[in-house]
Amino acid sequence: RLLAGRRASARLAQPMRSLPSASFIGTFVDSFKCHRAILAAETASPAELGAAIASTPPPEGAALAGLLCRRAVSHMRVSDYEPALEDWLSACALLPPPEGGRVGADGSFTAEAPWLDGVGIAVSSV
């Protein structure tokens, strides 16, 4: 693993001598087709979705998470990525913790599964 890391670092330090193959570029671009379809399908503006989130009574649970995800996509559609990330994180905070872990008072996740040791995730709430 260390050797591979050193080789990768050395290779990245060298300038590219040629472009990737056409089939690689085509496959890479095609991998985003579903993302473009999701972005194109969202027609509500971030402001409209924000009003729905702030409505009375406010949505809760899955309904709120769904609106936050839609607003994140709407932000991405207009290339406003910081608020999109904040909405994604807020939507994730509404998800229950996975089995084998616990959420602390500060929102951090502590893994109780040995393969997740050292993983710390903190998310903001709405």
Foldseek 3Di string as FASTA:
>chain_A
DVVVVVVVVVVVVDDDPDDDDPVVVVVVVVVCPVVVVLLVPQDDALVVLVCQCVDVVHDDAPVNLVSLQSSLSNCVSVPNNPSSVLSNLQSVLSDDDDPQWDADPQQWIAGNDVVCPPDIDHGDHD
